[in-house]
């Protein structure tokens, strides 16, 4: 009887937790659903409430207009710019952080720890703080309105370097010694042993850094003056009229929904590796 009572209590607790989770998902997703509904109706329907709760008949028209026309630039071009920027930042940060953490952990050179803490101190100087000198350097190198100008100033990452350093320090020294005895060079040890072992960490960081690069607004706004170099976040902001004009809400919401798709696809495709990289306790 006691056992059955415990089962009933666990069942009630499970139902309550599931109900709470479903309510939370509804609260989070309802604004996104409303944005999708808005992207399928006409501006007149938005201006005259109540707004419908079912998709309208303008879905193809609104999304086609947003994707191929936009306002200042076609949305497909802004999506490409954001994709190149986000991929460049994520891959660049991971590559540089892997190599710097590898050098700090496995090589003995003077002021090794000092260099690491100097890298770590850059966390206190994000790009927003050093934006004027960074802009001057990029301008002097002629990288305004270019992908290299969008990516390079945001590539270095003290956080990723710190995380990879902590992971490399958990790997037994006997592994490196065995590779050295077998005649493996340092880079061979890095490529054949450390890199495969870091796969889940790389996946978790890639998802986080991709979304970080995708959501950048201030830096692209500063160094891009041509509409064809706008990112999708900039494009959404520029769709709002400056004066007293009424915003084209269906077009804005259609662009917002399109802007959400690439990060969602990255998270869904790398979900298992992402979760394993965050919670794996055997590392």
C-alpha atoms as a PDB file:
ATOM      1  CA  UNK A   1       0.000   0.000   0.000  1.00  0.00           C
ATOM      2  CA  UNK A   2       2.807   2.361   0.888  1.00  0.00           C
ATOM      3  CA  UNK A   3       4.524   1.577  -2.375  1.00  0.00           C
ATOM      4  CA  UNK A   4       1.351   2.201  -4.369  1.00  0.00           C
ATOM      5  CA  UNK A   5       0.813   5.450  -2.463  1.00  0.00           C
ATOM      6  CA  UNK A   6       4.315   6.543  -3.433  1.00  0.00           C
ATOM      7  CA  UNK A   7       3.591   5.682  -7.048  1.00  0.00           C
ATOM      8  CA  UNK A   8       0.398   7.773  -6.960  1.00  0.00           C
ATOM      9  CA  UNK A   9       2.243  10.694  -5.419  1.00  0.00           C
ATOM     10  CA  UNK A  10       4.976  10.475  -7.994  1.00  0.00           C
ATOM     11  CA  UNK A  11       2.334  10.333 -10.702  1.00  0.00           C
ATOM     12  CA  UNK A  12       0.622  13.459  -9.396  1.00  0.00           C
ATOM     13  CA  UNK A  13       3.968  15.223  -9.126  1.00  0.00           C
ATOM     14  CA  UNK A  14       4.818  14.208 -12.667  1.00  0.00           C
ATOM     15  CA  UNK A  15       1.491  15.508 -13.980  1.00  0.00           C
ATOM     16  CA  UNK A  16       1.910  18.792 -12.138  1.00  0.00           C
ATOM     17  CA  UNK A  17       5.420  19.267 -13.501  1.00  0.00           C
ATOM     18  CA  UNK A  18       4.226  18.511 -17.027  1.00  0.00           C
ATOM     19  CA  UNK A  19       1.302  20.916 -16.706  1.00  0.00           C
ATOM     20  CA  UNK A  20       3.652  23.616 -15.433  1.00  0.00           C
ATOM     21  CA  UNK A  21       6.028  22.956 -18.323  1.00  0.00           C
ATOM     22  CA  UNK A  22       3.205  23.136 -20.874  1.00  0.00           C
ATOM     23  CA  UNK A  23       1.968  26.427 -19.416  1.00  0.00           C
ATOM     24  CA  UNK A  24       5.491  27.819 -19.533  1.00  0.00           C
ATOM     25  CA  UNK A  25       5.925  26.765 -23.171  1.00  0.00           C
ATOM     26  CA  UNK A  26       2.600  28.383 -24.093  1.00  0.00           C
ATOM     27  CA  UNK A  27       3.578  31.657 -22.383  1.00  0.00           C
ATOM     28  CA  UNK A  28       6.938  31.712 -24.159  1.00  0.00           C
ATOM     29  CA  UNK A  29       5.659  30.652 -27.592  1.00  0.00           C
ATOM     30  CA  UNK A  30       2.426  32.677 -27.755  1.00  0.00           C
ATOM     31  CA  UNK A  31       4.144  35.973 -28.742  1.00  0.00           C
ATOM     32  CA  UNK A  32       6.034  34.084 -31.472  1.00  0.00           C
ATOM     33  CA  UNK A  33       2.746  32.591 -32.670  1.00  0.00           C
ATOM     34  CA  UNK A  34       1.186  36.067 -32.768  1.00  0.00           C
ATOM     35  CA  UNK A  35       4.171  37.303 -34.788  1.00  0.00           C
ATOM     36  CA  UNK A  36       3.602  34.484 -37.273  1.00  0.00           C
ATOM     37  CA  UNK A  37      -0.136  35.261 -37.490  1.00  0.00           C
ATOM     38  CA  UNK A  38       0.664  38.940 -38.077  1.00  0.00           C
ATOM     39  CA  UNK A  39       2.996  37.944 -40.916  1.00  0.00           C
ATOM     40  CA  UNK A  40       0.102  36.225 -42.735  1.00  0.00           C
ATOM     41  CA  UNK A  41      -2.502  39.013 -42.743  1.00  0.00           C
ATOM     42  CA  UNK A  42      -2.861  42.478 -44.241  1.00  0.00           C
ATOM     43  CA  UNK A  43      -1.814  45.762 -42.568  1.00  0.00           C
ATOM     44  CA  UNK A  44      -5.497  46.753 -42.390  1.00  0.00           C
ATOM     45  CA  UNK A  45      -6.299  43.684 -40.293  1.00  0.00           C
ATOM     46  CA  UNK A  46      -3.476  44.588 -37.905  1.00  0.00           C
ATOM     47  CA  UNK A  47      -4.715  48.160 -37.587  1.00  0.00           C
ATOM     48  CA  UNK A  48      -8.293  47.124 -36.849  1.00  0.00           C
ATOM     49  CA  UNK A  49      -8.441  44.744 -33.868  1.00  0.00           C
ATOM     50  CA  UNK A  50      -9.282  42.157 -32.831  1.00  0.00           C
ATOM     51  CA  UNK A  51      -6.503  40.413 -34.700  1.00  0.00           C
ATOM     52  CA  UNK A  52      -7.305  36.879 -35.919  1.00  0.00           C
ATOM     53  CA  UNK A  53      -5.778  33.903 -34.134  1.00  0.00           C
ATOM     54  CA  UNK A  54      -5.582  31.761 -37.282  1.00  0.00           C
ATOM     55  CA  UNK A  55      -3.203  32.266 -40.239  1.00  0.00           C
ATOM     56  CA  UNK A  56      -4.472  34.539 -42.977  1.00  0.00           C
ATOM     57  CA  UNK A  57      -4.343  34.283 -46.761  1.00  0.00           C
ATOM     58  CA  UNK A  58      -1.361  36.625 -47.255  1.00  0.00           C
ATOM     59  CA  UNK A  59       1.354  34.208 -46.093  1.00  0.00           C
ATOM     60  CA  UNK A  60       3.013  33.611 -49.474  1.00  0.00           C
ATOM     61  CA  UNK A  61       2.655  37.236 -50.556  1.00  0.00           C
ATOM     62  CA  UNK A  62       4.126  38.700 -47.354  1.00  0.00           C
ATOM     63  CA  UNK A  63       7.026  36.259 -47.143  1.00  0.00           C
ATOM     64  CA  UNK A  64       7.825  36.613 -50.823  1.00  0.00           C
ATOM     65  CA  UNK A  65       7.814  40.391 -50.513  1.00  0.00           C
ATOM     66  CA  UNK A  66      10.042  40.280 -47.427  1.00  0.00           C
ATOM     67  CA  UNK A  67      12.472  37.684 -48.798  1.00  0.00           C
ATOM     68  CA  UNK A  68      13.015  39.225 -52.223  1.00  0.00           C
ATOM     69  CA  UNK A  69      12.206  42.917 -51.667  1.00  0.00           C
ATOM     70  CA  UNK A  70      12.394  44.116 -48.068  1.00  0.00           C
ATOM     71  CA  UNK A  71      12.658  47.855 -47.479  1.00  0.00           C
ATOM     72  CA  UNK A  72      16.315  48.943 -47.675  1.00  0.00           C
ATOM     73  CA  UNK A  73      17.687  45.591 -48.873  1.00  0.00           C
ATOM     74  CA  UNK A  74      16.271  42.137 -49.671  1.00  0.00           C
ATOM     75  CA  UNK A  75      15.945  39.957 -46.600  1.00  0.00           C
ATOM     76  CA  UNK A  76      17.791  37.063 -48.289  1.00  0.00           C
ATOM     77  CA  UNK A  77      20.865  39.277 -48.651  1.00  0.00           C
ATOM     78  CA  UNK A  78      20.720  40.358 -45.007  1.00  0.00           C
ATOM     79  CA  UNK A  79      20.307  36.728 -43.961  1.00  0.00           C
ATOM     80  CA  UNK A  80      23.412  35.806 -45.948  1.00  0.00           C
ATOM     81  CA  UNK A  81      25.367  38.645 -44.316  1.00  0.00           C
ATOM     82  CA  UNK A  82      24.285  37.560 -40.849  1.00  0.00           C
ATOM     83  CA  UNK A  83      25.051  33.912 -41.633  1.00  0.00           C
ATOM     84  CA  UNK A  84      28.566  34.708 -42.871  1.00  0.00           C
ATOM     85  CA  UNK A  85      29.203  36.936 -39.857  1.00  0.00           C
ATOM     86  CA  UNK A  86      27.855  34.436 -37.317  1.00  0.00           C
ATOM     87  CA  UNK A  87      29.722  31.491 -38.862  1.00  0.00           C
ATOM     88  CA  UNK A  88      32.940  33.482 -39.112  1.00  0.00           C
ATOM     89  CA  UNK A  89      32.746  34.634 -35.494  1.00  0.00           C
ATOM     90  CA  UNK A  90      31.853  31.168 -34.143  1.00  0.00           C
ATOM     91  CA  UNK A  91      34.478  29.251 -36.143  1.00  0.00           C
ATOM     92  CA  UNK A  92      37.140  31.927 -35.628  1.00  0.00           C
ATOM     93  CA  UNK A  93      36.603  32.129 -31.878  1.00  0.00           C
ATOM     94  CA  UNK A  94      36.730  28.349 -31.506  1.00  0.00           C
ATOM     95  CA  UNK A  95      39.885  27.926 -33.620  1.00  0.00           C
ATOM     96  CA  UNK A  96      41.807  30.704 -31.901  1.00  0.00           C
ATOM     97  CA  UNK A  97      40.653  29.598 -28.441  1.00  0.00           C
ATOM     98  CA  UNK A  98      41.604  25.975 -29.079  1.00  0.00           C
ATOM     99  CA  UNK A  99      45.100  26.891 -30.222  1.00  0.00           C
ATOM    100  CA  UNK A 100      45.700  29.419 -27.448  1.00  0.00           C
ATOM    101  CA  UNK A 101      44.464  27.013 -24.763  1.00  0.00           C
ATOM    102  CA  UNK A 102      46.631  24.236 -26.258  1.00  0.00           C
ATOM    103  CA  UNK A 103      49.700  26.473 -26.126  1.00  0.00           C
ATOM    104  CA  UNK A 104      49.025  27.598 -22.545  1.00  0.00           C
ATOM    105  CA  UNK A 105      48.486  24.070 -21.203  1.00  0.00           C
ATOM    106  CA  UNK A 106      51.011  21.961 -23.124  1.00  0.00           C
ATOM    107  CA  UNK A 107      53.911  24.314 -23.782  1.00  0.00           C
ATOM    108  CA  UNK A 108      56.325  25.650 -21.176  1.00  0.00           C
ATOM    109  CA  UNK A 109      57.444  29.190 -21.911  1.00  0.00           C
ATOM    110  CA  UNK A 110      58.200  32.261 -19.776  1.00  0.00           C
ATOM    111  CA  UNK A 111      55.211  34.224 -18.433  1.00  0.00           C
ATOM    112  CA  UNK A 112      52.812  31.485 -19.523  1.00  0.00           C
ATOM    113  CA  UNK A 113      50.318  32.182 -16.728  1.00  0.00           C
ATOM    114  CA  UNK A 114      50.723  35.929 -17.181  1.00  0.00           C
ATOM    115  CA  UNK A 115      49.686  35.672 -20.820  1.00  0.00           C
ATOM    116  CA  UNK A 116      46.675  33.590 -19.850  1.00  0.00           C
ATOM    117  CA  UNK A 117      45.476  36.140 -17.296  1.00  0.00           C
ATOM    118  CA  UNK A 118      46.061  38.958 -19.765  1.00  0.00           C
ATOM    119  CA  UNK A 119      43.768  37.103 -22.182  1.00  0.00           C
ATOM    120  CA  UNK A 120      41.262  36.587 -19.399  1.00  0.00           C
ATOM    121  CA  UNK A 121      41.314  40.300 -18.498  1.00  0.00           C
ATOM    122  CA  UNK A 122      40.024  41.144 -21.986  1.00  0.00           C
ATOM    123  CA  UNK A 123      36.603  40.059 -20.691  1.00  0.00           C
ATOM    124  CA  UNK A 124      36.507  43.466 -19.028  1.00  0.00           C
ATOM    125  CA  UNK A 125      36.976  45.179 -22.419  1.00  0.00           C
ATOM    126  CA  UNK A 126      34.156  44.105 -24.747  1.00  0.00           C
ATOM    127  CA  UNK A 127      33.927  45.633 -28.195  1.00  0.00           C
ATOM    128  CA  UNK A 128      31.456  48.275 -26.946  1.00  0.00           C
ATOM    129  CA  UNK A 129      34.138  49.668 -24.605  1.00  0.00           C
ATOM    130  CA  UNK A 130      36.932  49.738 -27.205  1.00  0.00           C
ATOM    131  CA  UNK A 131      34.689  50.542 -30.137  1.00  0.00           C
ATOM    132  CA  UNK A 132      36.385  53.826 -31.146  1.00  0.00           C
ATOM    133  CA  UNK A 133      39.976  52.494 -31.446  1.00  0.00           C
ATOM    134  CA  UNK A 134      38.676  49.273 -33.007  1.00  0.00           C
ATOM    135  CA  UNK A 135      36.745  51.263 -35.603  1.00  0.00           C
ATOM    136  CA  UNK A 136      39.868  53.341 -36.357  1.00  0.00           C
ATOM    137  CA  UNK A 137      41.975  50.224 -36.911  1.00  0.00           C
ATOM    138  CA  UNK A 138      39.360  48.643 -39.197  1.00  0.00           C
ATOM    139  CA  UNK A 139      38.976  51.900 -41.144  1.00  0.00           C
ATOM    140  CA  UNK A 140      42.755  52.262 -41.574  1.00  0.00           C
ATOM    141  CA  UNK A 141      42.959  48.735 -42.965  1.00  0.00           C
ATOM    142  CA  UNK A 142      40.154  49.510 -45.430  1.00  0.00           C
ATOM    143  CA  UNK A 143      37.802  46.873 -44.047  1.00  0.00           C
ATOM    144  CA  UNK A 144      34.646  48.963 -43.740  1.00  0.00           C
ATOM    145  CA  UNK A 145      31.632  47.432 -45.499  1.00  0.00           C
ATOM    146  CA  UNK A 146      33.333  44.027 -45.656  1.00  0.00           C
ATOM    147  CA  UNK A 147      32.893  40.611 -44.075  1.00  0.00           C
ATOM    148  CA  UNK A 148      36.406  40.742 -42.635  1.00  0.00           C
ATOM    149  CA  UNK A 149      35.538  44.003 -40.874  1.00  0.00           C
ATOM    150  CA  UNK A 150      32.386  42.435 -39.442  1.00  0.00           C
ATOM    151  CA  UNK A 151      34.161  39.308 -38.201  1.00  0.00           C
ATOM    152  CA  UNK A 152      37.774  39.979 -37.193  1.00  0.00           C
ATOM    153  CA  UNK A 153      37.243  42.442 -34.293  1.00  0.00           C
ATOM    154  CA  UNK A 154      34.868  39.952 -32.606  1.00  0.00           C
ATOM    155  CA  UNK A 155      36.929  36.789 -33.143  1.00  0.00           C
ATOM    156  CA  UNK A 156      39.066  36.713 -29.989  1.00  0.00           C
ATOM    157  CA  UNK A 157      37.317  35.054 -27.037  1.00  0.00           C
ATOM    158  CA  UNK A 158      38.733  34.885 -23.516  1.00  0.00           C
ATOM    159  CA  UNK A 159      35.761  32.845 -22.321  1.00  0.00           C
ATOM    160  CA  UNK A 160      36.290  30.066 -24.878  1.00  0.00           C
ATOM    161  CA  UNK A 161      40.027  30.057 -24.171  1.00  0.00           C
ATOM    162  CA  UNK A 162      39.335  29.653 -20.469  1.00  0.00           C
ATOM    163  CA  UNK A 163      36.850  26.809 -21.034  1.00  0.00           C
ATOM    164  CA  UNK A 164      39.189  24.891 -23.343  1.00  0.00           C
ATOM    165  CA  UNK A 165      42.097  25.427 -20.944  1.00  0.00           C
ATOM    166  CA  UNK A 166      40.080  23.973 -18.079  1.00  0.00           C
ATOM    167  CA  UNK A 167      39.121  20.983 -20.211  1.00  0.00           C
ATOM    168  CA  UNK A 168      42.684  20.334 -21.406  1.00  0.00           C
ATOM    169  CA  UNK A 169      43.890  20.424 -17.812  1.00  0.00           C
ATOM    170  CA  UNK A 170      41.573  17.489 -16.974  1.00  0.00           C
ATOM    171  CA  UNK A 171      43.255  15.274 -19.601  1.00  0.00           C
ATOM    172  CA  UNK A 172      45.907  13.014 -17.985  1.00  0.00           C
ATOM    173  CA  UNK A 173      49.515  13.963 -18.696  1.00  0.00           C
ATOM    174  CA  UNK A 174      50.206  10.302 -19.472  1.00  0.00           C
ATOM    175  CA  UNK A 175      48.230  10.723 -22.703  1.00  0.00           C
ATOM    176  CA  UNK A 176      50.540  13.470 -23.934  1.00  0.00           C
ATOM    177  CA  UNK A 177      53.597  11.487 -22.830  1.00  0.00           C
ATOM    178  CA  UNK A 178      52.362   8.385 -24.669  1.00  0.00           C
ATOM    179  CA  UNK A 179      51.827  10.425 -27.833  1.00  0.00           C
ATOM    180  CA  UNK A 180      55.342  11.870 -27.480  1.00  0.00           C
ATOM    181  CA  UNK A 181      56.839   8.386 -27.057  1.00  0.00           C
ATOM    182  CA  UNK A 182      55.009   7.233 -30.205  1.00  0.00           C
ATOM    183  CA  UNK A 183      56.680  10.058 -32.098  1.00  0.00           C
ATOM    184  CA  UNK A 184      53.618  12.277 -32.526  1.00  0.00           C
ATOM    185  CA  UNK A 185      54.385  15.956 -33.025  1.00  0.00           C
ATOM    186  CA  UNK A 186      52.553  18.541 -30.876  1.00  0.00           C
ATOM    187  CA  UNK A 187      50.186  19.414 -33.705  1.00  0.00           C
ATOM    188  CA  UNK A 188      49.569  15.734 -34.460  1.00  0.00           C
ATOM    189  CA  UNK A 189      48.664  15.251 -30.797  1.00  0.00           C
ATOM    190  CA  UNK A 190      46.364  18.274 -31.059  1.00  0.00           C
ATOM    191  CA  UNK A 191      44.567  17.158 -34.243  1.00  0.00           C
ATOM    192  CA  UNK A 192      44.329  13.425 -33.580  1.00  0.00           C
ATOM    193  CA  UNK A 193      43.694  13.340 -29.829  1.00  0.00           C
ATOM    194  CA  UNK A 194      42.694  16.677 -28.293  1.00  0.00           C
ATOM    195  CA  UNK A 195      40.381  17.842 -31.057  1.00  0.00           C
ATOM    196  CA  UNK A 196      38.201  14.685 -31.153  1.00  0.00           C
ATOM    197  CA  UNK A 197      38.012  14.686 -27.350  1.00  0.00           C
ATOM    198  CA  UNK A 198      36.823  18.324 -27.446  1.00  0.00           C
ATOM    199  CA  UNK A 199      33.983  17.610 -29.878  1.00  0.00           C
ATOM    200  CA  UNK A 200      31.101  18.152 -27.437  1.00  0.00           C
ATOM    201  CA  UNK A 201      32.716  21.286 -25.979  1.00  0.00           C
ATOM    202  CA  UNK A 202      33.170  22.669 -29.477  1.00  0.00           C
ATOM    203  CA  UNK A 203      29.526  21.931 -30.352  1.00  0.00           C
ATOM    204  CA  UNK A 204      28.209  23.643 -27.210  1.00  0.00           C
ATOM    205  CA  UNK A 205      30.385  26.701 -27.768  1.00  0.00           C
ATOM    206  CA  UNK A 206      29.517  26.820 -31.465  1.00  0.00           C
ATOM    207  CA  UNK A 207      25.795  27.126 -30.725  1.00  0.00           C
ATOM    208  CA  UNK A 208      26.368  29.885 -28.152  1.00  0.00           C
ATOM    209  CA  UNK A 209      28.849  31.804 -30.309  1.00  0.00           C
ATOM    210  CA  UNK A 210      26.731  31.470 -33.461  1.00  0.00           C
ATOM    211  CA  UNK A 211      23.751  33.056 -31.704  1.00  0.00           C
ATOM    212  CA  UNK A 212      26.085  35.714 -30.260  1.00  0.00           C
ATOM    213  CA  UNK A 213      27.312  36.608 -33.738  1.00  0.00           C
ATOM    214  CA  UNK A 214      23.814  36.430 -35.257  1.00  0.00           C
ATOM    215  CA  UNK A 215      22.419  38.926 -32.726  1.00  0.00           C
ATOM    216  CA  UNK A 216      25.164  41.530 -33.145  1.00  0.00           C
ATOM    217  CA  UNK A 217      23.782  44.999 -33.795  1.00  0.00           C
ATOM    218  CA  UNK A 218      26.063  47.828 -32.641  1.00  0.00           C
ATOM    219  CA  UNK A 219      29.240  46.787 -34.446  1.00  0.00           C
ATOM    220  CA  UNK A 220      27.600  46.087 -37.850  1.00  0.00           C
ATOM    221  CA  UNK A 221      25.652  49.335 -37.503  1.00  0.00           C
ATOM    222  CA  UNK A 222      28.935  51.228 -37.046  1.00  0.00           C
ATOM    223  CA  UNK A 223      31.048  49.815 -39.856  1.00  0.00           C
ATOM    224  CA  UNK A 224      28.466  49.207 -42.588  1.00  0.00           C
ATOM    225  CA  UNK A 225      27.104  52.096 -44.595  1.00  0.00           C
ATOM    226  CA  UNK A 226      25.931  50.211 -47.689  1.00  0.00           C
ATOM    227  CA  UNK A 227      22.441  48.644 -47.541  1.00  0.00           C
ATOM    228  CA  UNK A 228      23.732  45.454 -49.189  1.00  0.00           C
ATOM    229  CA  UNK A 229      26.006  44.854 -46.167  1.00  0.00           C
ATOM    230  CA  UNK A 230      23.224  45.175 -43.575  1.00  0.00           C
ATOM    231  CA  UNK A 231      22.678  42.269 -41.224  1.00  0.00           C
ATOM    232  CA  UNK A 232      19.212  40.945 -40.478  1.00  0.00           C
ATOM    233  CA  UNK A 233      19.096  42.534 -37.001  1.00  0.00           C
ATOM    234  CA  UNK A 234      19.914  45.911 -38.531  1.00  0.00           C
ATOM    235  CA  UNK A 235      17.331  45.337 -41.235  1.00  0.00           C
ATOM    236  CA  UNK A 236      14.525  44.696 -38.754  1.00  0.00           C
ATOM    237  CA  UNK A 237      15.365  47.900 -36.885  1.00  0.00           C
ATOM    238  CA  UNK A 238      15.450  49.925 -40.112  1.00  0.00           C
ATOM    239  CA  UNK A 239      11.995  48.706 -41.107  1.00  0.00           C
ATOM    240  CA  UNK A 240      10.390  50.866 -38.431  1.00  0.00           C
ATOM    241  CA  UNK A 241       9.552  54.300 -39.893  1.00  0.00           C
ATOM    242  CA  UNK A 242      11.220  57.337 -38.349  1.00  0.00           C
ATOM    243  CA  UNK A 243       8.295  59.733 -38.695  1.00  0.00           C
ATOM    244  CA  UNK A 244       4.630  59.270 -37.942  1.00  0.00           C
ATOM    245  CA  UNK A 245       4.078  56.630 -40.615  1.00  0.00           C
ATOM    246  CA  UNK A 246       2.401  53.384 -39.680  1.00  0.00           C
ATOM    247  CA  UNK A 247       4.840  50.437 -39.694  1.00  0.00           C
ATOM    248  CA  UNK A 248       4.215  47.643 -42.159  1.00  0.00           C
ATOM    249  CA  UNK A 249       3.727  45.065 -39.413  1.00  0.00           C
ATOM    250  CA  UNK A 250       3.148  42.015 -41.649  1.00  0.00           C
ATOM    251  CA  UNK A 251       6.424  42.687 -43.459  1.00  0.00           C
ATOM    252  CA  UNK A 252       8.291  43.312 -40.187  1.00  0.00           C
ATOM    253  CA  UNK A 253       6.921  40.164 -38.569  1.00  0.00           C
ATOM    254  CA  UNK A 254       7.653  38.071 -41.669  1.00  0.00           C
ATOM    255  CA  UNK A 255      11.254  39.303 -41.554  1.00  0.00           C
ATOM    256  CA  UNK A 256      11.448  38.556 -37.829  1.00  0.00           C
ATOM    257  CA  UNK A 257      10.219  34.994 -38.365  1.00  0.00           C
ATOM    258  CA  UNK A 258      12.767  34.481 -41.153  1.00  0.00           C
ATOM    259  CA  UNK A 259      15.490  35.869 -38.874  1.00  0.00           C
ATOM    260  CA  UNK A 260      14.636  33.268 -36.223  1.00  0.00           C
ATOM    261  CA  UNK A 261      14.968  30.258 -38.518  1.00  0.00           C
ATOM    262  CA  UNK A 262      18.783  29.900 -38.865  1.00  0.00           C
ATOM    263  CA  UNK A 263      19.515  30.011 -35.085  1.00  0.00           C
ATOM    264  CA  UNK A 264      16.643  27.572 -34.485  1.00  0.00           C
ATOM    265  CA  UNK A 265      18.039  25.189 -37.109  1.00  0.00           C
ATOM    266  CA  UNK A 266      21.512  25.368 -35.551  1.00  0.00           C
ATOM    267  CA  UNK A 267      20.138  24.598 -32.086  1.00  0.00           C
ATOM    268  CA  UNK A 268      17.926  21.746 -33.344  1.00  0.00           C
ATOM    269  CA  UNK A 269      20.652  20.135 -35.465  1.00  0.00           C
ATOM    270  CA  UNK A 270      23.263  20.316 -32.687  1.00  0.00           C
ATOM    271  CA  UNK A 271      20.921  19.739 -29.754  1.00  0.00           C
ATOM    272  CA  UNK A 272      22.376  16.431 -28.577  1.00  0.00           C
ATOM    273  CA  UNK A 273      25.998  17.584 -28.749  1.00  0.00           C
ATOM    274  CA  UNK A 274      25.070  20.926 -27.205  1.00  0.00           C
ATOM    275  CA  UNK A 275      23.397  19.347 -24.174  1.00  0.00           C
ATOM    276  CA  UNK A 276      26.160  16.765 -23.788  1.00  0.00           C
ATOM    277  CA  UNK A 277      28.802  19.474 -23.917  1.00  0.00           C
ATOM    278  CA  UNK A 278      27.045  21.383 -21.123  1.00  0.00           C
ATOM    279  CA  UNK A 279      26.197  18.531 -18.731  1.00  0.00           C
ATOM    280  CA  UNK A 280      28.759  15.801 -19.414  1.00  0.00           C
ATOM    281  CA  UNK A 281      30.392  15.243 -16.032  1.00  0.00           C
ATOM    282  CA  UNK A 282      32.995  12.722 -17.161  1.00  0.00           C
ATOM    283  CA  UNK A 283      35.280  15.393 -18.597  1.00  0.00           C
END
